[in-house]
Amino acid sequence: MPAIHDEELPRRRQALEKPRFDGWDVAQLQDYIAELKDEITRAEAAIGARNDHRAAAEAFFRKP
């Protein structure tokens, strides 16, 4: 049996860095919000893909 290398294992999610907003202007805050929204959209797409995959597998193995 081949050995499993650490880089092949799923990584644990690192905690989100919570920046201090002192000194940020409105435009910087809006850019930060836009980046977060993009990341949320990406995560929701990954959830959708996994749900689609699960539904397809369940449909394939469902007894008629």
PDB file of N, CA and C in Angstrom:
ATOM      1  N   MET A   1       0.849  -1.185   0.000  1.00  0.00           N
ATOM      2  CA  MET A   1       0.000   0.000   0.000  1.00  0.00           C
ATOM      3  C   MET A   1       0.888   1.240   0.000  1.00  0.00           C
ATOM      4  N   PRO A   2       0.640   2.199  -0.901  1.00  0.00           N
ATOM      5  CA  PRO A   2       1.499   3.382  -0.958  1.00  0.00           C
ATOM      6  C   PRO A   2       1.310   4.262   0.268  1.00  0.00           C
ATOM      7  N   ALA A   3       2.363   4.929   0.657  1.00  0.00           N
ATOM      8  CA  ALA A   3       2.307   5.835   1.801  1.00  0.00           C
ATOM      9  C   ALA A   3       1.544   7.099   1.418  1.00  0.00           C
ATOM     10  N   ILE A   4       0.794   7.634   2.349  1.00  0.00           N
ATOM     11  CA  ILE A   4       0.054   8.880   2.122  1.00  0.00           C
ATOM     12  C   ILE A   4       0.927  10.036   2.593  1.00  0.00           C
ATOM     13  N   HIS A   5       1.146  10.977   1.706  1.00  0.00           N
ATOM     14  CA  HIS A   5       1.954  12.143   2.046  1.00  0.00           C
ATOM     15  C   HIS A   5       1.052  13.230   2.600  1.00  0.00           C
ATOM     16  N   ASP A   6       1.623  14.048   3.463  1.00  0.00           N
ATOM     17  CA  ASP A   6       0.848  15.121   4.092  1.00  0.00           C
ATOM     18  C   ASP A   6       0.158  16.019   3.078  1.00  0.00           C
ATOM     19  N   GLU A   7       0.815  16.294   1.943  1.00  0.00           N
ATOM     20  CA  GLU A   7       0.207  17.209   0.965  1.00  0.00           C
ATOM     21  C   GLU A   7      -0.992  16.591   0.272  1.00  0.00           C
ATOM     22  N   GLU A   8      -1.211  15.277   0.421  1.00  0.00           N
ATOM     23  CA  GLU A   8      -2.360  14.621  -0.187  1.00  0.00           C
ATOM     24  C   GLU A   8      -3.588  14.664   0.724  1.00  0.00           C
ATOM     25  N   LEU A   9      -3.368  14.949   2.000  1.00  0.00           N
ATOM     26  CA  LEU A   9      -4.471  14.998   2.947  1.00  0.00           C
ATOM     27  C   LEU A   9      -5.192  16.338   2.854  1.00  0.00           C
ATOM     28  N   PRO A  10      -6.512  16.334   3.089  1.00  0.00           N
ATOM     29  CA  PRO A  10      -7.236  17.615   3.068  1.00  0.00           C
ATOM     30  C   PRO A  10      -6.715  18.525   4.175  1.00  0.00           C
ATOM     31  N   ARG A  11      -6.585  19.773   3.849  1.00  0.00           N
ATOM     32  CA  ARG A  11      -6.102  20.738   4.841  1.00  0.00           C
ATOM     33  C   ARG A  11      -7.260  21.274   5.667  1.00  0.00           C
ATOM     34  N   ARG A  12      -6.969  21.530   6.923  1.00  0.00           N
ATOM     35  CA  ARG A  12      -7.973  22.174   7.772  1.00  0.00           C
ATOM     36  C   ARG A  12      -8.049  23.646   7.386  1.00  0.00           C
ATOM     37  N   ARG A  13      -9.221  24.162   7.443  1.00  0.00           N
ATOM     38  CA  ARG A  13      -9.426  25.577   7.124  1.00  0.00           C
ATOM     39  C   ARG A  13      -8.778  26.424   8.213  1.00  0.00           C
ATOM     40  N   GLN A  14      -8.032  27.410   7.780  1.00  0.00           N
ATOM     41  CA  GLN A  14      -7.425  28.320   8.734  1.00  0.00           C
ATOM     42  C   GLN A  14      -8.445  29.387   9.109  1.00  0.00           C
ATOM     43  N   ALA A  15      -8.340  29.867  10.319  1.00  0.00           N
ATOM     44  CA  ALA A  15      -9.256  30.906  10.786  1.00  0.00           C
ATOM     45  C   ALA A  15      -9.072  32.168   9.948  1.00  0.00           C
ATOM     46  N   LEU A  16     -10.178  32.827   9.683  1.00  0.00           N
ATOM     47  CA  LEU A  16     -10.127  34.077   8.936  1.00  0.00           C
ATOM     48  C   LEU A  16      -9.384  35.133   9.739  1.00  0.00           C
ATOM     49  N   GLU A  17      -8.500  35.814   9.068  1.00  0.00           N
ATOM     50  CA  GLU A  17      -7.818  36.927   9.722  1.00  0.00           C
ATOM     51  C   GLU A  17      -8.811  38.076   9.830  1.00  0.00           C
ATOM     52  N   LYS A  18      -8.947  38.624  10.997  1.00  0.00           N
ATOM     53  CA  LYS A  18      -9.890  39.721  11.209  1.00  0.00           C
ATOM     54  C   LYS A  18      -9.105  41.021  11.316  1.00  0.00           C
ATOM     55  N   PRO A  19      -9.030  41.731  10.205  1.00  0.00           N
ATOM     56  CA  PRO A  19      -8.225  42.954  10.220  1.00  0.00           C
ATOM     57  C   PRO A  19      -8.863  44.045  11.077  1.00  0.00           C
ATOM     58  N   ARG A  20      -8.008  44.899  11.557  1.00  0.00           N
ATOM     59  CA  ARG A  20      -8.498  46.095  12.262  1.00  0.00           C
ATOM     60  C   ARG A  20      -8.822  47.133  11.204  1.00  0.00           C
ATOM     61  N   PHE A  21      -9.937  47.769  11.344  1.00  0.00           N
ATOM     62  CA  PHE A  21     -10.386  48.725  10.341  1.00  0.00           C
ATOM     63  C   PHE A  21      -9.944  50.156  10.642  1.00  0.00           C
ATOM     64  N   ASP A  22      -9.198  50.333  11.716  1.00  0.00           N
ATOM     65  CA  ASP A  22      -8.688  51.665  12.038  1.00  0.00           C
ATOM     66  C   ASP A  22      -7.832  52.159  10.874  1.00  0.00           C
ATOM     67  N   GLY A  23      -8.120  53.324  10.398  1.00  0.00           N
ATOM     68  CA  GLY A  23      -7.320  53.910   9.336  1.00  0.00           C
ATOM     69  C   GLY A  23      -7.772  53.534   7.931  1.00  0.00           C
ATOM     70  N   TRP A  24      -8.743  52.645   7.798  1.00  0.00           N
ATOM     71  CA  TRP A  24      -9.248  52.278   6.471  1.00  0.00           C
ATOM     72  C   TRP A  24     -10.246  53.348   6.033  1.00  0.00           C
ATOM     73  N   ASP A  25     -10.155  53.736   4.776  1.00  0.00           N
ATOM     74  CA  ASP A  25     -11.162  54.662   4.272  1.00  0.00           C
ATOM     75  C   ASP A  25     -12.336  53.857   3.703  1.00  0.00           C
ATOM     76  N   VAL A  26     -13.370  54.554   3.293  1.00  0.00           N
ATOM     77  CA  VAL A  26     -14.593  53.903   2.814  1.00  0.00           C
ATOM     78  C   VAL A  26     -14.308  53.013   1.607  1.00  0.00           C
ATOM     79  N   ALA A  27     -13.489  53.479   0.687  1.00  0.00           N
ATOM     80  CA  ALA A  27     -13.179  52.694  -0.508  1.00  0.00           C
ATOM     81  C   ALA A  27     -12.476  51.391  -0.145  1.00  0.00           C
ATOM     82  N   GLN A  28     -11.562  51.437   0.813  1.00  0.00           N
ATOM     83  CA  GLN A  28     -10.873  50.219   1.249  1.00  0.00           C
ATOM     84  C   GLN A  28     -11.848  49.243   1.899  1.00  0.00           C
ATOM     85  N   LEU A  29     -12.753  49.762   2.690  1.00  0.00           N
ATOM     86  CA  LEU A  29     -13.763  48.904   3.312  1.00  0.00           C
ATOM     87  C   LEU A  29     -14.673  48.282   2.254  1.00  0.00           C
ATOM     88  N   GLN A  30     -15.067  49.053   1.253  1.00  0.00           N
ATOM     89  CA  GLN A  30     -15.903  48.520   0.181  1.00  0.00           C
ATOM     90  C   GLN A  30     -15.164  47.447  -0.623  1.00  0.00           C
ATOM     91  N   ASP A  31     -13.877  47.651  -0.880  1.00  0.00           N
ATOM     92  CA  ASP A  31     -13.071  46.645  -1.580  1.00  0.00           C
ATOM     93  C   ASP A  31     -12.980  45.361  -0.757  1.00  0.00           C
ATOM     94  N   TYR A  32     -12.803  45.510   0.541  1.00  0.00           N
ATOM     95  CA  TYR A  32     -12.727  44.355   1.434  1.00  0.00           C
ATOM     96  C   TYR A  32     -14.040  43.571   1.414  1.00  0.00           C
ATOM     97  N   ILE A  33     -15.148  44.273   1.464  1.00  0.00           N
ATOM     98  CA  ILE A  33     -16.465  43.632   1.407  1.00  0.00           C
ATOM     99  C   ILE A  33     -16.644  42.905   0.075  1.00  0.00           C
ATOM    100  N   ALA A  34     -16.220  43.521  -1.016  1.00  0.00           N
ATOM    101  CA  ALA A  34     -16.334  42.888  -2.329  1.00  0.00           C
ATOM    102  C   ALA A  34     -15.512  41.597  -2.382  1.00  0.00           C
ATOM    103  N   GLU A  35     -14.310  41.599  -1.814  1.00  0.00           N
ATOM    104  CA  GLU A  35     -13.485  40.396  -1.769  1.00  0.00           C
ATOM    105  C   GLU A  35     -14.175  39.292  -0.966  1.00  0.00           C
ATOM    106  N   LEU A  36     -14.760  39.664   0.168  1.00  0.00           N
ATOM    107  CA  LEU A  36     -15.465  38.680   0.995  1.00  0.00           C
ATOM    108  C   LEU A  36     -16.664  38.102   0.255  1.00  0.00           C
ATOM    109  N   LYS A  37     -17.415  38.957  -0.442  1.00  0.00           N
ATOM    110  CA  LYS A  37     -18.570  38.482  -1.211  1.00  0.00           C
ATOM    111  C   LYS A  37     -18.133  37.522  -2.314  1.00  0.00           C
ATOM    112  N   ASP A  38     -17.011  37.824  -2.967  1.00  0.00           N
ATOM    113  CA  ASP A  38     -16.480  36.921  -3.996  1.00  0.00           C
ATOM    114  C   ASP A  38     -16.135  35.560  -3.393  1.00  0.00           C
ATOM    115  N   GLU A  39     -15.543  35.569  -2.221  1.00  0.00           N
ATOM    116  CA  GLU A  39     -15.166  34.313  -1.566  1.00  0.00           C
ATOM    117  C   GLU A  39     -16.411  33.534  -1.132  1.00  0.00           C
ATOM    118  N   ILE A  40     -17.436  34.231  -0.672  1.00  0.00           N
ATOM    119  CA  ILE A  40     -18.701  33.577  -0.315  1.00  0.00           C
ATOM    120  C   ILE A  40     -19.318  32.938  -1.552  1.00  0.00           C
ATOM    121  N   THR A  41     -19.312  33.642  -2.674  1.00  0.00           N
ATOM    122  CA  THR A  41     -19.848  33.110  -3.927  1.00  0.00           C
ATOM    123  C   THR A  41     -19.096  31.847  -4.337  1.00  0.00           C
ATOM    124  N   ARG A  42     -17.774  31.868  -4.194  1.00  0.00           N
ATOM    125  CA  ARG A  42     -16.952  30.708  -4.538  1.00  0.00           C
ATOM    126  C   ARG A  42     -17.287  29.524  -3.637  1.00  0.00           C
ATOM    127  N   ALA A  43     -17.457  29.766  -2.339  1.00  0.00           N
ATOM    128  CA  ALA A  43     -17.799  28.698  -1.400  1.00  0.00           C
ATOM    129  C   ALA A  43     -19.189  28.145  -1.697  1.00  0.00           C
ATOM    130  N   GLU A  44     -20.136  29.018  -2.024  1.00  0.00           N
ATOM    131  CA  GLU A  44     -21.482  28.554  -2.357  1.00  0.00           C
ATOM    132  C   GLU A  44     -21.484  27.720  -3.632  1.00  0.00           C
ATOM    133  N   ALA A  45     -20.646  28.074  -4.597  1.00  0.00           N
ATOM    134  CA  ALA A  45     -20.535  27.278  -5.823  1.00  0.00           C
ATOM    135  C   ALA A  45     -19.974  25.889  -5.513  1.00  0.00           C
ATOM    136  N   ALA A  46     -19.004  25.815  -4.611  1.00  0.00           N
ATOM    137  CA  ALA A  46     -18.442  24.519  -4.221  1.00  0.00           C
ATOM    138  C   ALA A  46     -19.499  23.665  -3.519  1.00  0.00           C
ATOM    139  N   ILE A  47     -20.310  24.275  -2.686  1.00  0.00           N
ATOM    140  CA  ILE A  47     -21.398  23.555  -2.016  1.00  0.00           C
ATOM    141  C   ILE A  47     -22.383  23.039  -3.054  1.00  0.00           C
ATOM    142  N   GLY A  48     -22.747  23.882  -4.010  1.00  0.00           N
ATOM    143  CA  GLY A  48     -23.681  23.472  -5.065  1.00  0.00           C
ATOM    144  C   GLY A  48     -23.147  22.298  -5.872  1.00  0.00           C
ATOM    145  N   ALA A  49     -21.861  22.342  -6.202  1.00  0.00           N
ATOM    146  CA  ALA A  49     -21.263  21.246  -6.970  1.00  0.00           C
ATOM    147  C   ALA A  49     -21.301  19.940  -6.171  1.00  0.00           C
ATOM    148  N   ARG A  50     -21.023  20.022  -4.893  1.00  0.00           N
ATOM    149  CA  ARG A  50     -21.060  18.814  -4.056  1.00  0.00           C
ATOM    150  C   ARG A  50     -22.479  18.280  -3.922  1.00  0.00           C
ATOM    151  N   ASN A  51     -23.441  19.178  -3.771  1.00  0.00           N
ATOM    152  CA  ASN A  51     -24.837  18.749  -3.698  1.00  0.00           C
ATOM    153  C   ASN A  51     -25.286  18.108  -5.007  1.00  0.00           C
ATOM    154  N   ASP A  52     -24.872  18.681  -6.139  1.00  0.00           N
ATOM    155  CA  ASP A  52     -25.213  18.104  -7.446  1.00  0.00           C
ATOM    156  C   ASP A  52     -24.606  16.718  -7.601  1.00  0.00           C
ATOM    157  N   HIS A  53     -23.358  16.586  -7.166  1.00  0.00           N
ATOM    158  CA  HIS A  53     -22.675  15.300  -7.259  1.00  0.00           C
ATOM    159  C   HIS A  53     -23.397  14.250  -6.404  1.00  0.00           C
ATOM    160  N   ARG A  54     -23.761  14.639  -5.191  1.00  0.00           N
ATOM    161  CA  ARG A  54     -24.469  13.720  -4.296  1.00  0.00           C
ATOM    162  C   ARG A  54     -25.813  13.320  -4.892  1.00  0.00           C
ATOM    163  N   ALA A  55     -26.545  14.286  -5.434  1.00  0.00           N
ATOM    164  CA  ALA A  55     -27.857  13.994  -6.021  1.00  0.00           C
ATOM    165  C   ALA A  55     -27.724  13.043  -7.199  1.00  0.00           C
ATOM    166  N   ALA A  56     -26.680  13.235  -8.026  1.00  0.00           N
ATOM    167  CA  ALA A  56     -26.469  12.357  -9.162  1.00  0.00           C
ATOM    168  C   ALA A  56     -26.138  10.935  -8.693  1.00  0.00           C
ATOM    169  N   ALA A  57     -25.332  10.816  -7.664  1.00  0.00           N
ATOM    170  CA  ALA A  57     -24.979   9.489  -7.138  1.00  0.00           C
ATOM    171  C   ALA A  57     -26.210   8.822  -6.535  1.00  0.00           C
ATOM    172  N   GLU A  58     -27.008   9.569  -5.786  1.00  0.00           N
ATOM    173  CA  GLU A  58     -28.213   8.993  -5.202  1.00  0.00           C
ATOM    174  C   GLU A  58     -29.184   8.551  -6.295  1.00  0.00           C
ATOM    175  N   ALA A  59     -29.321   9.320  -7.353  1.00  0.00           N
ATOM    176  CA  ALA A  59     -30.200   8.965  -8.450  1.00  0.00           C
ATOM    177  C   ALA A  59     -29.694   7.718  -9.164  1.00  0.00           C
ATOM    178  N   PHE A  60     -28.396   7.595  -9.320  1.00  0.00           N
ATOM    179  CA  PHE A  60     -27.815   6.453  -9.996  1.00  0.00           C
ATOM    180  C   PHE A  60     -28.046   5.163  -9.204  1.00  0.00           C
ATOM    181  N   PHE A  61     -27.925   5.227  -7.886  1.00  0.00           N
ATOM    182  CA  PHE A  61     -28.036   4.035  -7.062  1.00  0.00           C
ATOM    183  C   PHE A  61     -29.440   3.782  -6.519  1.00  0.00           C
ATOM    184  N   ARG A  62     -30.381   4.673  -6.835  1.00  0.00           N
ATOM    185  CA  ARG A  62     -31.746   4.529  -6.370  1.00  0.00           C
ATOM    186  C   ARG A  62     -32.388   3.320  -7.062  1.00  0.00           C
ATOM    187  N   LYS A  63     -33.091   2.536  -6.291  1.00  0.00           N
ATOM    188  CA  LYS A  63     -33.797   1.378  -6.871  1.00  0.00           C
ATOM    189  C   LYS A  63     -35.020   1.863  -7.621  1.00  0.00           C
ATOM    190  N   PRO A  64     -35.287   1.292  -8.810  1.00  0.00           N
ATOM    191  CA  PRO A  64     -36.453   1.727  -9.594  1.00  0.00           C
ATOM    192  C   PRO A  64     -37.765   1.309  -8.976  1.00  0.00           C
TER     193      PRO A  64
END
